[in-house]
């Protein structure tokens, strides 16, 4: 029986291509980021994996403090 949950891996790991849902899932898990940050990084620096890693490192997510009640 074929495993119903199969993690696909892109053929070219030097380029972050996010045209399909499985690609977005792969790269968000691999780069430990959100879809929004990944999409923004691709928009700003292109699809080169190393440039995206650098962008994600240099642009950490903004964390807003929770109000004290």
Protein backbone atom coordinates (compact mmCIF):
# COMPACT_ATOMS: atom_id res chain seq x y z
CA UNK A 1 0.00 0.00 0.00
CA UNK A 2 1.31 3.42 -0.94
CA UNK A 3 1.94 5.88 1.88
CA UNK A 4 -0.84 8.52 1.56
CA UNK A 5 1.35 11.22 3.09
CA UNK A 6 4.39 11.61 0.90
CA UNK A 7 6.64 14.62 1.32
CA UNK A 8 7.71 15.90 -2.05
CA UNK A 9 11.12 17.48 -2.53
CA UNK A 10 11.86 20.01 -5.30
CA UNK A 11 14.29 18.89 -7.99
CA UNK A 12 16.32 22.11 -7.74
CA UNK A 13 17.06 23.05 -4.13
CA UNK A 14 18.99 26.17 -5.17
CA UNK A 15 15.75 27.90 -6.21
CA UNK A 16 12.69 28.53 -4.05
CA UNK A 17 9.74 28.01 -6.36
CA UNK A 18 6.37 28.49 -4.66
CA UNK A 19 3.85 27.97 -7.46
CA UNK A 20 2.15 24.94 -5.90
CA UNK A 21 0.87 24.22 -2.40
CA UNK A 22 3.34 21.36 -1.80
CA UNK A 23 6.23 23.67 -2.68
CA UNK A 24 5.06 26.28 -0.18
CA UNK A 25 4.73 23.57 2.46
CA UNK A 26 8.20 22.21 1.72
CA UNK A 27 9.93 25.60 1.88
CA UNK A 28 8.09 26.92 4.94
CA UNK A 29 9.02 23.76 6.86
CA UNK A 30 12.59 23.72 5.56
CA UNK A 31 13.24 27.40 6.24
CA UNK A 32 11.14 27.45 9.42
CA UNK A 33 9.12 30.47 8.41
CA UNK A 34 5.57 31.45 7.53
CA UNK A 35 4.04 31.54 4.09
CA UNK A 36 3.74 35.33 4.34
CA UNK A 37 7.43 35.83 5.14
CA UNK A 38 8.49 33.33 2.47
CA UNK A 39 6.36 35.06 -0.16
CA UNK A 40 7.74 38.46 0.81
CA UNK A 41 11.33 37.20 0.69
CA UNK A 42 10.81 35.73 -2.79
CA UNK A 43 9.22 38.99 -3.94
CA UNK A 44 12.09 41.09 -2.57
CA UNK A 45 15.20 39.04 -3.43
CA UNK A 46 14.08 36.52 -6.03
CA UNK A 47 14.10 32.74 -5.87
CA UNK A 48 17.75 32.03 -4.94
CA UNK A 49 17.70 29.88 -1.80
CA UNK A 50 20.77 31.46 -0.20
CA UNK A 51 19.48 35.01 -0.78
CA UNK A 52 16.17 34.02 0.79
CA UNK A 53 17.94 32.48 3.81
CA UNK A 54 19.90 35.72 4.22
CA UNK A 55 16.76 37.84 3.90
CA UNK A 56 14.92 35.75 6.49
CA UNK A 57 17.88 36.02 8.88
CA UNK A 58 18.21 39.78 8.38
CA UNK A 59 14.45 40.43 8.67
CA UNK A 60 13.25 38.60 11.78
CA UNK A 61 9.50 38.48 12.36
CA UNK A 62 8.04 41.36 14.32
CA UNK A 63 6.70 40.14 17.63
CA UNK A 64 4.26 42.46 19.35
CA UNK A 65 3.99 42.16 23.11
CA UNK A 66 0.70 40.94 24.52
CA UNK A 67 -1.10 43.52 26.65
CA UNK A 68 -1.10 42.89 30.38
CA UNK A 69 -4.60 42.40 31.75
